[in-house]
Amino acid sequence: MSAGRRLLRVVAIGVLPAVLAFAAVYALRSGNDGGGDRVEPGRTTATGGAPPDRAGAGGRPAASAGPAGAVELAATLSGTAYSTELTFEVPEARARVSPPEWVHDCGRFAAWARDNGGVPVGPEPVHTLTLRARRSVDVQVATVRAVPVARVDRAREQGPWVELACRDGVASPAASPPGRWRGGEMPHPLAAGQTLEVPVELDGLDESGGPVAPFPSGVSDYRLRVELEVDGVPRTYDLRDGDRDFRCCGRITYMGYQAARYEWTLSPARALRYCAELRYTGEPPPRTCTPRAPA
């Protein structure tokens, strides 16, 4: 091979890759510089906007200011339809057991009764939603549904079954009938840090909007599905009763029969009274209740 041809081969092998690499880098730089609107993650555009779902004002995550993180929501079982007080279905032997010392009002009594197997009495549950705003926000309750988890078979538990209730020993103001809060069909404005408690009934609609029984007959474990509109954006929450599912609803009083009832008064002094069962036709007669010694 001649010296000239060897030199041409060396130049092709050594220089050509460098030329190709330079051309590729130049093409990439030209493409990026041409558009002018590309935004690196975490940086703002020339007009001051922020890349979506990356950063909000002051570099905070968007979730902290968006609908998903704007409202904290919890629920408690606070009554049943047609009643704003909780009465429980329990075995009679359990109804006579004195609550522990930390149970000094009817709110704590209800928690203690549920912890010990008491089931609220009534046709369907009423809940109180607690909404806490993390920032200024408009909130509206759209729907509240019970999502059954399991039917509860109480046949294995030892009866007889009675009703158990609590009395504070002071006159309570008349409570308005529970109703689903709609805020006059308008969103309710909340300031940052504001907390709102709202009594809500179950909606008698299924997921498609068709009519359905709000709550299954008998005792069921269930979760509460709440749909809110947060600043106009729909949000869905599945809520439990703390670390367990909700449970409702027992019913042992019917037309012509009122079950035996135990009533605890916790303040100013503890007292227990017993109301015997009633069987009747027509209008129920006046009920007679007498003091009863705790077990």
C-alpha atoms as a PDB file:
ATOM      1  CA  MET A   1       0.000   0.000   0.000  1.00  0.00           C
ATOM      2  CA  SER A   2       1.391   3.460  -0.933  1.00  0.00           C
ATOM      3  CA  ALA A   3       2.258   6.049   1.717  1.00  0.00           C
ATOM      4  CA  GLY A   4      -0.511   8.393   0.465  1.00  0.00           C
ATOM      5  CA  ARG A   5      -3.245   5.807   0.842  1.00  0.00           C
ATOM      6  CA  ARG A   6      -2.032   4.851   4.347  1.00  0.00           C
ATOM      7  CA  LEU A   7      -2.186   8.536   5.423  1.00  0.00           C
ATOM      8  CA  LEU A   8      -5.758   8.902   4.082  1.00  0.00           C
ATOM      9  CA  ARG A   9      -6.848   5.838   6.036  1.00  0.00           C
ATOM     10  CA  VAL A  10      -5.357   7.163   9.316  1.00  0.00           C
ATOM     11  CA  VAL A  11      -7.117  10.518   8.875  1.00  0.00           C
ATOM     12  CA  ALA A  12     -10.468   8.820   8.229  1.00  0.00           C
ATOM     13  CA  ILE A  13     -10.162   6.580  11.283  1.00  0.00           C
ATOM     14  CA  GLY A  14      -8.923   9.260  13.684  1.00  0.00           C
ATOM     15  CA  VAL A  15     -10.826  12.384  12.607  1.00  0.00           C
ATOM     16  CA  LEU A  16     -14.214  11.177  11.362  1.00  0.00           C
ATOM     17  CA  PRO A  17     -15.611  10.131  14.833  1.00  0.00           C
ATOM     18  CA  ALA A  18     -14.711  13.517  16.281  1.00  0.00           C
ATOM     19  CA  VAL A  19     -16.466  15.302  13.428  1.00  0.00           C
ATOM     20  CA  LEU A  20     -19.637  13.211  13.879  1.00  0.00           C
ATOM     21  CA  ALA A  21     -19.688  13.820  17.653  1.00  0.00           C
ATOM     22  CA  PHE A  22     -19.356  17.575  17.149  1.00  0.00           C
ATOM     23  CA  ALA A  23     -22.196  17.578  14.646  1.00  0.00           C
ATOM     24  CA  ALA A  24     -24.507  15.713  17.037  1.00  0.00           C
ATOM     25  CA  VAL A  25     -23.824  18.100  19.942  1.00  0.00           C
ATOM     26  CA  TYR A  26     -24.392  21.103  17.690  1.00  0.00           C
ATOM     27  CA  ALA A  27     -27.726  19.754  16.494  1.00  0.00           C
ATOM     28  CA  LEU A  28     -28.960  19.150  20.064  1.00  0.00           C
ATOM     29  CA  ARG A  29     -27.976  22.622  21.213  1.00  0.00           C
ATOM     30  CA  SER A  30     -29.660  24.208  18.227  1.00  0.00           C
ATOM     31  CA  GLY A  31     -32.921  22.322  18.913  1.00  0.00           C
ATOM     32  CA  ASN A  32     -33.036  23.357  22.586  1.00  0.00           C
ATOM     33  CA  ASP A  33     -32.262  26.999  21.918  1.00  0.00           C
ATOM     34  CA  GLY A  34     -34.880  27.345  19.196  1.00  0.00           C
ATOM     35  CA  GLY A  35     -38.101  26.834  21.243  1.00  0.00           C
ATOM     36  CA  GLY A  36     -37.277  29.122  24.168  1.00  0.00           C
ATOM     37  CA  ASP A  37     -40.105  27.704  26.403  1.00  0.00           C
ATOM     38  CA  ARG A  38     -38.461  24.649  27.980  1.00  0.00           C
ATOM     39  CA  VAL A  39     -38.599  24.687  31.815  1.00  0.00           C
ATOM     40  CA  GLU A  40     -36.285  22.700  34.050  1.00  0.00           C
ATOM     41  CA  PRO A  41     -37.955  20.918  36.982  1.00  0.00           C
ATOM     42  CA  GLY A  42     -38.394  23.296  39.899  1.00  0.00           C
ATOM     43  CA  ARG A  43     -37.778  26.484  37.890  1.00  0.00           C
ATOM     44  CA  THR A  44     -40.283  29.117  36.824  1.00  0.00           C
ATOM     45  CA  THR A  45     -41.024  30.330  33.329  1.00  0.00           C
ATOM     46  CA  ALA A  46     -40.381  33.831  32.099  1.00  0.00           C
ATOM     47  CA  THR A  47     -43.943  34.796  33.051  1.00  0.00           C
ATOM     48  CA  GLY A  48     -43.542  33.635  36.655  1.00  0.00           C
ATOM     49  CA  GLY A  49     -45.608  30.453  36.409  1.00  0.00           C
ATOM     50  CA  ALA A  50     -44.556  27.178  38.076  1.00  0.00           C
ATOM     51  CA  PRO A  51     -44.287  23.779  36.409  1.00  0.00           C
ATOM     52  CA  PRO A  52     -47.491  21.816  37.192  1.00  0.00           C
ATOM     53  CA  ASP A  53     -47.411  19.393  40.154  1.00  0.00           C
ATOM     54  CA  ARG A  54     -43.848  20.326  41.017  1.00  0.00           C
ATOM     55  CA  ALA A  55     -43.739  23.531  43.030  1.00  0.00           C
ATOM     56  CA  GLY A  56     -46.147  26.181  44.203  1.00  0.00           C
ATOM     57  CA  ALA A  57     -45.553  29.609  45.680  1.00  0.00           C
ATOM     58  CA  GLY A  58     -42.317  29.763  47.600  1.00  0.00           C
ATOM     59  CA  GLY A  59     -41.233  26.335  46.350  1.00  0.00           C
ATOM     60  CA  ARG A  60     -43.833  24.387  48.355  1.00  0.00           C
ATOM     61  CA  PRO A  61     -45.173  21.120  46.885  1.00  0.00           C
ATOM     62  CA  ALA A  62     -48.362  21.677  44.910  1.00  0.00           C
ATOM     63  CA  ALA A  63     -50.227  19.054  46.960  1.00  0.00           C
ATOM     64  CA  SER A  64     -49.975  21.232  50.063  1.00  0.00           C
ATOM     65  CA  ALA A  65     -51.966  23.975  48.337  1.00  0.00           C
ATOM     66  CA  GLY A  66     -54.095  21.879  45.993  1.00  0.00           C
ATOM     67  CA  PRO A  67     -57.510  20.301  46.646  1.00  0.00           C
ATOM     68  CA  ALA A  68     -56.007  16.967  47.722  1.00  0.00           C
ATOM     69  CA  GLY A  69     -54.309  18.479  50.782  1.00  0.00           C
ATOM     70  CA  ALA A  70     -56.551  21.450  51.521  1.00  0.00           C
ATOM     71  CA  VAL A  71     -58.975  19.728  53.940  1.00  0.00           C
ATOM     72  CA  GLU A  72     -58.570  17.179  56.730  1.00  0.00           C
ATOM     73  CA  LEU A  73     -61.707  15.049  57.171  1.00  0.00           C
ATOM     74  CA  ALA A  74     -62.871  12.659  59.907  1.00  0.00           C
ATOM     75  CA  ALA A  75     -66.246  11.207  60.928  1.00  0.00           C
ATOM     76  CA  THR A  76     -67.924   9.992  64.114  1.00  0.00           C
ATOM     77  CA  LEU A  77     -71.146   8.032  64.522  1.00  0.00           C
ATOM     78  CA  SER A  78     -73.206  10.552  66.453  1.00  0.00           C
ATOM     79  CA  GLY A  79     -76.793   9.258  66.320  1.00  0.00           C
ATOM     80  CA  THR A  80     -79.368   7.435  64.265  1.00  0.00           C
ATOM     81  CA  ALA A  81     -82.208   8.603  62.050  1.00  0.00           C
ATOM     82  CA  TYR A  82     -84.938  10.383  64.078  1.00  0.00           C
ATOM     83  CA  SER A  83     -82.672  10.642  67.146  1.00  0.00           C
ATOM     84  CA  THR A  84     -79.676  12.782  68.065  1.00  0.00           C
ATOM     85  CA  GLU A  85     -78.751  10.620  71.066  1.00  0.00           C
ATOM     86  CA  LEU A  86     -77.012   7.258  70.914  1.00  0.00           C
ATOM     87  CA  THR A  87     -78.789   4.294  72.466  1.00  0.00           C
ATOM     88  CA  PHE A  88     -77.063   0.909  72.306  1.00  0.00           C
ATOM     89  CA  GLU A  89     -78.185  -2.694  72.018  1.00  0.00           C
ATOM     90  CA  VAL A  90     -76.224  -4.816  74.539  1.00  0.00           C
ATOM     91  CA  PRO A  91     -76.639  -8.011  76.559  1.00  0.00           C
ATOM     92  CA  GLU A  92     -78.414  -7.263  79.858  1.00  0.00           C
ATOM     93  CA  ALA A  93     -75.470  -8.387  81.987  1.00  0.00           C
ATOM     94  CA  ARG A  94     -73.242  -5.827  80.280  1.00  0.00           C
ATOM     95  CA  ALA A  95     -75.754  -2.992  80.709  1.00  0.00           C
ATOM     96  CA  ARG A  96     -75.463  -3.188  84.508  1.00  0.00           C
ATOM     97  CA  VAL A  97     -71.661  -2.886  84.553  1.00  0.00           C
ATOM     98  CA  SER A  98     -70.511   0.506  85.847  1.00  0.00           C
ATOM     99  CA  PRO A  99     -68.375   2.429  83.330  1.00  0.00           C
ATOM    100  CA  PRO A 100     -64.751   3.143  84.317  1.00  0.00           C
ATOM    101  CA  GLU A 101     -63.854   6.401  86.066  1.00  0.00           C
ATOM    102  CA  TRP A 102     -62.611   8.108  82.898  1.00  0.00           C
ATOM    103  CA  VAL A 103     -66.143   7.893  81.485  1.00  0.00           C
ATOM    104  CA  HIS A 104     -67.594  11.074  82.987  1.00  0.00           C
ATOM    105  CA  ASP A 105     -69.833  12.348  80.172  1.00  0.00           C
ATOM    106  CA  CYS A 106     -72.100  10.888  77.513  1.00  0.00           C
ATOM    107  CA  GLY A 107     -69.570  11.392  74.724  1.00  0.00           C
ATOM    108  CA  ARG A 108     -67.047   9.168  76.477  1.00  0.00           C
ATOM    109  CA  PHE A 109     -69.862   6.813  77.455  1.00  0.00           C
ATOM    110  CA  ALA A 110     -70.706   6.280  73.768  1.00  0.00           C
ATOM    111  CA  ALA A 111     -67.062   5.520  72.953  1.00  0.00           C
ATOM    112  CA  TRP A 112     -66.839   3.087  75.881  1.00  0.00           C
ATOM    113  CA  ALA A 113     -70.096   1.364  74.889  1.00  0.00           C
ATOM    114  CA  ARG A 114     -68.903   0.854  71.292  1.00  0.00           C
ATOM    115  CA  ASP A 115     -65.532  -0.443  72.507  1.00  0.00           C
ATOM    116  CA  ASN A 116     -67.428  -3.045  74.536  1.00  0.00           C
ATOM    117  CA  GLY A 117     -69.616  -4.332  71.730  1.00  0.00           C
ATOM    118  CA  GLY A 118     -72.588  -1.967  71.981  1.00  0.00           C
ATOM    119  CA  VAL A 119     -74.408  -1.441  68.673  1.00  0.00           C
ATOM    120  CA  PRO A 120     -76.332   1.819  68.088  1.00  0.00           C
ATOM    121  CA  VAL A 121     -80.097   1.336  67.929  1.00  0.00           C
ATOM    122  CA  GLY A 122     -82.099   2.790  65.050  1.00  0.00           C
ATOM    123  CA  PRO A 123     -83.004   2.354  61.388  1.00  0.00           C
ATOM    124  CA  GLU A 124     -79.833   3.967  59.984  1.00  0.00           C
ATOM    125  CA  PRO A 125     -76.820   5.896  61.311  1.00  0.00           C
ATOM    126  CA  VAL A 126     -76.190   9.629  61.392  1.00  0.00           C
ATOM    127  CA  HIS A 127     -72.606  10.861  61.395  1.00  0.00           C
ATOM    128  CA  THR A 128     -70.817  14.071  62.253  1.00  0.00           C
ATOM    129  CA  LEU A 129     -68.147  15.136  59.788  1.00  0.00           C
ATOM    130  CA  THR A 130     -65.236  17.155  61.145  1.00  0.00           C
ATOM    131  CA  LEU A 131     -63.591  19.289  58.464  1.00  0.00           C
ATOM    132  CA  ARG A 132     -60.383  21.211  59.166  1.00  0.00           C
ATOM    133  CA  ALA A 133     -59.012  23.622  56.574  1.00  0.00           C
ATOM    134  CA  ARG A 134     -55.260  23.709  56.020  1.00  0.00           C
ATOM    135  CA  ARG A 135     -55.676  26.898  54.001  1.00  0.00           C
ATOM    136  CA  SER A 136     -58.492  29.179  52.897  1.00  0.00           C
ATOM    137  CA  VAL A 137     -60.841  26.978  50.904  1.00  0.00           C
ATOM    138  CA  ASP A 138     -64.448  26.550  49.750  1.00  0.00           C
ATOM    139  CA  VAL A 139     -65.977  23.182  50.685  1.00  0.00           C
ATOM    140  CA  GLN A 140     -69.299  21.541  49.883  1.00  0.00           C
ATOM    141  CA  VAL A 141     -70.585  18.119  50.955  1.00  0.00           C
ATOM    142  CA  ALA A 142     -71.820  16.369  47.814  1.00  0.00           C
ATOM    143  CA  THR A 143     -72.777  12.817  48.896  1.00  0.00           C
ATOM    144  CA  VAL A 144     -72.417  10.564  51.944  1.00  0.00           C
ATOM    145  CA  ARG A 145     -72.844   6.799  51.501  1.00  0.00           C
ATOM    146  CA  ALA A 146     -72.377   3.702  53.656  1.00  0.00           C
ATOM    147  CA  VAL A 147     -70.203   1.051  52.014  1.00  0.00           C
ATOM    148  CA  PRO A 148     -70.974  -2.301  53.736  1.00  0.00           C
ATOM    149  CA  VAL A 149     -67.964  -4.430  54.621  1.00  0.00           C
ATOM    150  CA  ALA A 150     -69.601  -7.397  56.387  1.00  0.00           C
ATOM    151  CA  ARG A 151     -72.869  -8.470  57.996  1.00  0.00           C
ATOM    152  CA  VAL A 152     -72.584  -9.137  61.734  1.00  0.00           C
ATOM    153  CA  ASP A 153     -74.094 -12.344  63.118  1.00  0.00           C
ATOM    154  CA  ARG A 154     -74.919 -11.758  66.786  1.00  0.00           C
ATOM    155  CA  ALA A 155     -76.666 -15.082  67.321  1.00  0.00           C
ATOM    156  CA  ARG A 156     -73.605 -16.459  69.142  1.00  0.00           C
ATOM    157  CA  GLU A 157     -73.698 -13.716  71.774  1.00  0.00           C
ATOM    158  CA  GLN A 158     -75.556 -14.338  74.997  1.00  0.00           C
ATOM    159  CA  GLY A 159     -78.787 -12.369  75.574  1.00  0.00           C
ATOM    160  CA  PRO A 160     -81.283 -11.252  76.636  1.00  0.00           C
ATOM    161  CA  TRP A 161     -80.829  -7.988  74.737  1.00  0.00           C
ATOM    162  CA  VAL A 162     -81.662  -4.617  76.245  1.00  0.00           C
ATOM    163  CA  GLU A 163     -81.177  -0.963  75.389  1.00  0.00           C
ATOM    164  CA  LEU A 164     -78.443   1.072  77.078  1.00  0.00           C
ATOM    165  CA  ALA A 165     -78.447   4.880  77.216  1.00  0.00           C
ATOM    166  CA  CYS A 166     -76.682   7.765  78.958  1.00  0.00           C
ATOM    167  CA  ARG A 167     -78.083  10.839  80.684  1.00  0.00           C
ATOM    168  CA  ASP A 168     -75.951  13.845  81.626  1.00  0.00           C
ATOM    169  CA  GLY A 169     -78.249  14.809  84.460  1.00  0.00           C
ATOM    170  CA  VAL A 170     -78.742  18.328  83.079  1.00  0.00           C
ATOM    171  CA  ALA A 171     -81.381  19.689  80.774  1.00  0.00           C
ATOM    172  CA  SER A 172     -80.251  19.697  77.177  1.00  0.00           C
ATOM    173  CA  PRO A 173     -81.469  22.203  74.595  1.00  0.00           C
ATOM    174  CA  ALA A 174     -83.829  20.810  72.008  1.00  0.00           C
ATOM    175  CA  ALA A 175     -81.788  19.435  69.132  1.00  0.00           C
ATOM    176  CA  SER A 176     -82.823  20.142  65.589  1.00  0.00           C
ATOM    177  CA  PRO A 177     -83.479  17.031  63.516  1.00  0.00           C
ATOM    178  CA  PRO A 178     -80.304  15.781  61.843  1.00  0.00           C
ATOM    179  CA  GLY A 179     -80.039  16.701  58.197  1.00  0.00           C
ATOM    180  CA  ARG A 180     -77.518  16.554  55.424  1.00  0.00           C
ATOM    181  CA  TRP A 181     -75.575  19.784  55.224  1.00  0.00           C
ATOM    182  CA  ARG A 182     -75.621  21.418  51.827  1.00  0.00           C
ATOM    183  CA  GLY A 183     -74.700  24.946  52.804  1.00  0.00           C
ATOM    184  CA  GLY A 184     -77.731  26.322  50.964  1.00  0.00           C
ATOM    185  CA  GLU A 185     -76.499  24.602  47.793  1.00  0.00           C
ATOM    186  CA  MET A 186     -73.449  26.863  47.925  1.00  0.00           C
ATOM    187  CA  PRO A 187     -69.842  26.078  48.948  1.00  0.00           C
ATOM    188  CA  HIS A 188     -68.968  26.924  52.539  1.00  0.00           C
ATOM    189  CA  PRO A 189     -65.861  29.134  52.905  1.00  0.00           C
ATOM    190  CA  LEU A 190     -63.335  28.055  55.557  1.00  0.00           C
ATOM    191  CA  ALA A 191     -60.344  30.047  56.736  1.00  0.00           C
ATOM    192  CA  ALA A 192     -56.957  28.438  57.278  1.00  0.00           C
ATOM    193  CA  GLY A 193     -57.058  26.434  60.534  1.00  0.00           C
ATOM    194  CA  GLN A 194     -60.861  26.650  60.877  1.00  0.00           C
ATOM    195  CA  THR A 195     -62.721  23.517  61.985  1.00  0.00           C
ATOM    196  CA  LEU A 196     -66.353  22.784  61.139  1.00  0.00           C
ATOM    197  CA  GLU A 197     -68.540  19.971  62.522  1.00  0.00           C
ATOM    198  CA  VAL A 198     -71.430  18.932  60.299  1.00  0.00           C
ATOM    199  CA  PRO A 199     -74.178  16.338  61.023  1.00  0.00           C
ATOM    200  CA  VAL A 200     -74.972  14.347  57.883  1.00  0.00           C
ATOM    201  CA  GLU A 201     -77.479  11.663  56.935  1.00  0.00           C
ATOM    202  CA  LEU A 202     -76.811   8.932  54.402  1.00  0.00           C
ATOM    203  CA  ASP A 203     -77.792   9.499  50.794  1.00  0.00           C
ATOM    204  CA  GLY A 204     -80.330   7.050  49.365  1.00  0.00           C
ATOM    205  CA  LEU A 205     -78.463   6.811  46.053  1.00  0.00           C
ATOM    206  CA  ASP A 206     -76.097   4.245  44.598  1.00  0.00           C
ATOM    207  CA  GLU A 207     -72.883   5.001  42.699  1.00  0.00           C
ATOM    208  CA  SER A 208     -74.813   5.580  39.463  1.00  0.00           C
ATOM    209  CA  GLY A 209     -77.299   7.936  41.113  1.00  0.00           C
ATOM    210  CA  GLY A 210     -80.167   5.447  41.288  1.00  0.00           C
ATOM    211  CA  PRO A 211     -82.358   5.097  44.416  1.00  0.00           C
ATOM    212  CA  VAL A 212     -81.229   2.560  47.006  1.00  0.00           C
ATOM    213  CA  ALA A 213     -81.830   1.855  50.718  1.00  0.00           C
ATOM    214  CA  PRO A 214     -79.440   4.151  52.625  1.00  0.00           C
ATOM    215  CA  PHE A 215     -78.424   1.340  54.986  1.00  0.00           C
ATOM    216  CA  PRO A 216     -78.891  -2.464  54.922  1.00  0.00           C
ATOM    217  CA  SER A 217     -81.258  -4.039  57.449  1.00  0.00           C
ATOM    218  CA  GLY A 218     -79.601  -5.718  60.411  1.00  0.00           C
ATOM    219  CA  VAL A 219     -76.193  -5.086  61.960  1.00  0.00           C
ATOM    220  CA  SER A 220     -73.365  -4.352  59.521  1.00  0.00           C
ATOM    221  CA  ASP A 221     -69.768  -3.220  59.568  1.00  0.00           C
ATOM    222  CA  TYR A 222     -69.254  -0.458  57.023  1.00  0.00           C
ATOM    223  CA  ARG A 223     -67.122   2.436  55.900  1.00  0.00           C
ATOM    224  CA  LEU A 224     -68.288   5.938  55.130  1.00  0.00           C
ATOM    225  CA  ARG A 225     -67.700   7.252  51.602  1.00  0.00           C
ATOM    226  CA  VAL A 226     -67.834  11.037  51.519  1.00  0.00           C
ATOM    227  CA  GLU A 227     -67.639  13.084  48.346  1.00  0.00           C
ATOM    228  CA  LEU A 228     -66.684  16.715  48.790  1.00  0.00           C
ATOM    229  CA  GLU A 229     -66.166  19.543  46.356  1.00  0.00           C
ATOM    230  CA  VAL A 230     -63.006  21.364  47.397  1.00  0.00           C
ATOM    231  CA  ASP A 231     -62.645  24.643  45.510  1.00  0.00           C
ATOM    232  CA  GLY A 232     -64.937  23.121  42.906  1.00  0.00           C
ATOM    233  CA  VAL A 233     -62.820  19.964  42.502  1.00  0.00           C
ATOM    234  CA  PRO A 234     -64.476  16.607  43.455  1.00  0.00           C
ATOM    235  CA  ARG A 235     -62.646  14.645  46.168  1.00  0.00           C
ATOM    236  CA  THR A 236     -63.625  11.216  47.565  1.00  0.00           C
ATOM    237  CA  TYR A 237     -62.793  10.006  51.094  1.00  0.00           C
ATOM    238  CA  ASP A 238     -63.316   6.522  52.572  1.00  0.00           C
ATOM    239  CA  LEU A 239     -63.534   6.905  56.361  1.00  0.00           C
ATOM    240  CA  ARG A 240     -63.401   4.433  59.265  1.00  0.00           C
ATOM    241  CA  ASP A 241     -64.242   4.693  62.959  1.00  0.00           C
ATOM    242  CA  GLY A 242     -60.676   5.293  64.100  1.00  0.00           C
ATOM    243  CA  ASP A 243     -58.738   2.055  63.512  1.00  0.00           C
ATOM    244  CA  ARG A 244     -61.848  -0.065  62.863  1.00  0.00           C
ATOM    245  CA  ASP A 245     -64.907  -0.044  60.627  1.00  0.00           C
ATOM    246  CA  PHE A 246     -68.146   1.594  61.721  1.00  0.00           C
ATOM    247  CA  ARG A 247     -70.894  -0.707  63.071  1.00  0.00           C
ATOM    248  CA  CYS A 248     -74.658  -0.148  63.123  1.00  0.00           C
ATOM    249  CA  CYS A 249     -77.655  -0.666  63.576  1.00  0.00           C
ATOM    250  CA  GLY A 250     -79.415  -2.821  66.155  1.00  0.00           C
ATOM    251  CA  ARG A 251     -83.167  -2.704  66.595  1.00  0.00           C
ATOM    252  CA  ILE A 252     -85.052  -4.530  69.327  1.00  0.00           C
ATOM    253  CA  THR A 253     -87.980  -2.117  69.828  1.00  0.00           C
ATOM    254  CA  TYR A 254     -90.872  -2.377  67.376  1.00  0.00           C
ATOM    255  CA  MET A 255     -94.509  -1.336  67.100  1.00  0.00           C
ATOM    256  CA  GLY A 256     -96.296  -2.850  70.093  1.00  0.00           C
ATOM    257  CA  TYR A 257     -93.064  -3.661  71.952  1.00  0.00           C
ATOM    258  CA  GLN A 258     -90.435  -1.592  73.745  1.00  0.00           C
ATOM    259  CA  ALA A 259     -87.360  -3.432  74.946  1.00  0.00           C
ATOM    260  CA  ALA A 260     -86.142  -3.178  78.531  1.00  0.00           C
ATOM    261  CA  ARG A 261     -83.851  -0.192  78.977  1.00  0.00           C
ATOM    262  CA  TYR A 262     -80.978   0.756  81.309  1.00  0.00           C
ATOM    263  CA  GLU A 263     -80.074   4.433  81.695  1.00  0.00           C
ATOM    264  CA  TRP A 264     -76.854   5.715  83.284  1.00  0.00           C
ATOM    265  CA  THR A 265     -76.548   9.210  84.749  1.00  0.00           C
ATOM    266  CA  LEU A 266     -72.879  10.180  85.119  1.00  0.00           C
ATOM    267  CA  SER A 267     -73.034  13.648  86.639  1.00  0.00           C
ATOM    268  CA  PRO A 268     -73.218  15.165  89.142  1.00  0.00           C
ATOM    269  CA  ALA A 269     -73.371  11.681  90.730  1.00  0.00           C
ATOM    270  CA  ARG A 270     -73.534   8.248  89.108  1.00  0.00           C
ATOM    271  CA  ALA A 271     -76.869   6.504  89.095  1.00  0.00           C
ATOM    272  CA  LEU A 272     -78.507   3.664  87.182  1.00  0.00           C
ATOM    273  CA  ARG A 273     -82.185   3.170  86.531  1.00  0.00           C
ATOM    274  CA  TYR A 274     -84.115   0.367  84.870  1.00  0.00           C
ATOM    275  CA  CYS A 275     -87.174   0.669  82.633  1.00  0.00           C
ATOM    276  CA  ALA A 276     -89.081  -2.584  82.181  1.00  0.00           C
ATOM    277  CA  GLU A 277     -90.107  -3.781  78.730  1.00  0.00           C
ATOM    278  CA  LEU A 278     -93.557  -2.857  77.425  1.00  0.00           C
ATOM    279  CA  ARG A 279     -95.973  -4.896  75.293  1.00  0.00           C
ATOM    280  CA  TYR A 280     -99.070  -3.040  74.143  1.00  0.00           C
ATOM    281  CA  THR A 281    -101.633  -2.434  71.432  1.00  0.00           C
ATOM    282  CA  GLY A 282    -102.518   1.026  70.202  1.00  0.00           C
ATOM    283  CA  GLU A 283    -100.709   3.876  71.913  1.00  0.00           C
ATOM    284  CA  PRO A 284     -97.806   2.932  74.257  1.00  0.00           C
ATOM    285  CA  PRO A 285     -98.581   3.449  77.969  1.00  0.00           C
ATOM    286  CA  PRO A 286     -96.393   5.665  80.176  1.00  0.00           C
ATOM    287  CA  ARG A 287     -93.106   3.986  81.006  1.00  0.00           C
ATOM    288  CA  THR A 288     -92.134   3.252  84.592  1.00  0.00           C
ATOM    289  CA  CYS A 289     -88.435   3.382  85.533  1.00  0.00           C
ATOM    290  CA  THR A 290     -86.907   2.551  88.918  1.00  0.00           C
ATOM    291  CA  PRO A 291     -83.408   2.803  90.432  1.00  0.00           C
ATOM    292  CA  ARG A 292     -81.224  -0.265  89.973  1.00  0.00           C
ATOM    293  CA  ALA A 293     -77.980  -1.208  91.716  1.00  0.00           C
ATOM    294  CA  PRO A 294     -75.000  -1.671  89.351  1.00  0.00           C
ATOM    295  CA  ALA A 295     -73.563  -5.155  88.951  1.00  0.00           C
END
